[in-house]
Amino acid sequence: MAKTISVDELTYSNVVSIAGKLMTLTGKPISLGYAINMGTQAMNIVLTMMDPEQTAQLREHLKNLPSSPAEQDKAREEIFRAITGQKTEEETSRTSKTSAESATAYIQ
C-alpha cells in the first residue's frame, strides 16, 4: 500500500533526477517510489560493507548532524535556499506568495 511522505525540495529534485537516470539506463518508466526503494537498498549495502575505518569516518562526518528530524529538515531547507536563492517561508509570506506555491513536495 502506497504511503505519502513529505520531503524538502532538494531531496525531491534528487529523487526525480535519479529516476530519470534509471529511466535512461533501463529504457522504461521508473516511479519515484521505485527510485527511492532502489536508493535505500543501495545505501543499506554501502553501510553493510563499510569497514571500521570507513564507519568511523562517516560517524565523524555526521557528528554535527542536528539532533532532531525537524532540525535536520530545517537544515536541508536552508541548504536548498542557499543553492537556489529561494526565500524562506517567512520572507515569502511578506511578498504575498501563496502557500501552494511554497508547499513542500510530496512523493508517493
Protein backbone atom coordinates (compact mmCIF):
# COMPACT_ATOMS: atom_id res chain seq x y z
CA MET A 1 0.00 0.00 0.00
CA ALA A 2 1.42 3.37 -1.02
CA LYS A 3 2.25 5.92 1.66
CA THR A 4 2.78 9.64 1.18
CA ILE A 5 5.90 11.24 2.64
CA SER A 6 6.89 14.88 2.79
CA VAL A 7 10.39 15.82 1.63
CA ASP A 8 12.21 19.06 1.06
CA GLU A 9 12.54 20.36 -2.49
CA LEU A 10 16.22 19.43 -2.81
CA THR A 11 15.53 15.80 -1.89
CA TYR A 12 12.57 15.72 -4.28
CA SER A 13 14.74 17.11 -7.08
CA ASN A 14 17.42 14.50 -6.36
CA VAL A 15 14.87 11.66 -6.47
CA VAL A 16 13.45 12.95 -9.77
CA SER A 17 16.99 13.16 -11.19
CA ILE A 18 17.83 9.61 -10.10
CA ALA A 19 14.54 8.29 -11.50
CA GLY A 20 15.44 9.97 -14.81
CA LYS A 21 18.88 8.35 -14.83
CA LEU A 22 17.30 4.96 -14.10
CA MET A 23 14.82 5.52 -16.96
CA THR A 24 17.71 6.30 -19.29
CA LEU A 25 19.55 3.20 -18.13
CA THR A 26 16.58 0.83 -18.40
CA GLY A 27 14.61 2.41 -21.22
CA LYS A 28 11.48 2.03 -19.06
CA PRO A 29 9.47 4.39 -16.88
CA ILE A 30 10.62 4.40 -13.24
CA SER A 31 8.36 5.66 -10.45
CA LEU A 32 9.71 7.96 -7.78
CA GLY A 33 8.82 5.32 -5.19
CA TYR A 34 10.85 2.70 -7.03
CA ALA A 35 13.80 5.10 -7.29
CA ILE A 36 13.60 5.71 -3.52
CA ASN A 37 13.41 1.97 -2.87
CA MET A 38 16.48 1.29 -5.00
CA GLY A 39 18.35 4.15 -3.33
CA THR A 40 17.61 2.92 0.17
CA GLN A 41 18.63 -0.62 -0.79
CA ALA A 42 21.89 0.69 -2.25
CA MET A 43 22.57 2.75 0.89
CA ASN A 44 21.94 -0.32 3.04
CA ILE A 45 24.50 -2.27 1.00
CA VAL A 46 27.05 0.55 1.35
CA LEU A 47 26.54 0.76 5.13
CA THR A 48 26.78 -3.02 5.50
CA MET A 49 30.02 -3.24 3.52
CA MET A 50 31.84 -0.39 5.28
CA ASP A 51 34.93 -1.36 7.23
CA PRO A 52 35.50 0.06 10.74
CA GLU A 53 37.71 2.90 9.46
CA GLN A 54 35.06 3.99 6.95
CA THR A 55 32.39 3.74 9.65
CA ALA A 56 34.48 5.99 11.92
CA GLN A 57 34.93 8.50 9.07
CA LEU A 58 31.19 8.57 8.42
CA ARG A 59 30.46 8.98 12.13
CA GLU A 60 32.93 11.89 12.27
CA HIS A 61 31.38 13.46 9.17
CA LEU A 62 27.89 13.23 10.68
CA LYS A 63 28.77 14.29 14.23
CA ASN A 64 27.42 17.80 13.68
CA LEU A 65 24.16 16.49 12.24
CA PRO A 66 21.24 18.20 14.00
CA SER A 67 19.73 16.04 16.74
CA SER A 68 16.06 16.06 15.77
CA PRO A 69 14.42 15.23 12.43
CA ALA A 70 12.78 18.68 12.43
CA GLU A 71 16.18 20.35 12.82
CA GLN A 72 17.58 18.14 10.05
CA ASP A 73 14.73 19.14 7.73
CA LYS A 74 15.26 22.81 8.54
CA ALA A 75 18.99 22.49 7.77
CA ARG A 76 18.22 20.82 4.42
CA GLU A 77 15.77 23.61 3.54
CA GLU A 78 18.44 26.20 4.34
CA ILE A 79 20.91 24.39 2.07
CA PHE A 80 18.34 24.34 -0.74
CA ARG A 81 17.61 28.05 -0.29
CA ALA A 82 21.33 28.82 -0.33
CA ILE A 83 21.74 26.88 -3.59
CA THR A 84 18.67 28.30 -5.33
CA GLY A 85 18.41 31.73 -3.75
CA GLN A 86 14.85 30.87 -2.73
CA LYS A 87 13.33 32.91 0.09
CA THR A 88 12.29 31.47 3.46
CA GLU A 89 8.59 30.88 4.13
CA GLU A 90 8.59 33.94 6.38
CA GLU A 91 10.11 36.09 3.63
CA THR A 92 7.70 34.54 1.13
CA SER A 93 4.64 35.43 3.20
CA ARG A 94 5.84 39.04 3.29
CA THR A 95 5.88 39.06 -0.52
CA SER A 96 2.35 37.53 -0.66
CA LYS A 97 3.33 34.26 -2.35
CA THR A 98 0.58 31.68 -1.81
CA SER A 99 1.21 28.64 0.36
CA ALA A 100 0.54 26.39 -2.64
CA GLU A 101 3.49 27.96 -4.43
CA SER A 102 5.82 27.35 -1.49
CA ALA A 103 4.48 23.96 -0.40
CA THR A 104 6.76 21.04 0.35
CA ALA A 105 6.84 18.43 -2.42
CA TYR A 106 5.18 15.07 -1.80
CA ILE A 107 6.25 11.67 -3.09
CA GLN A 108 4.07 8.59 -3.41
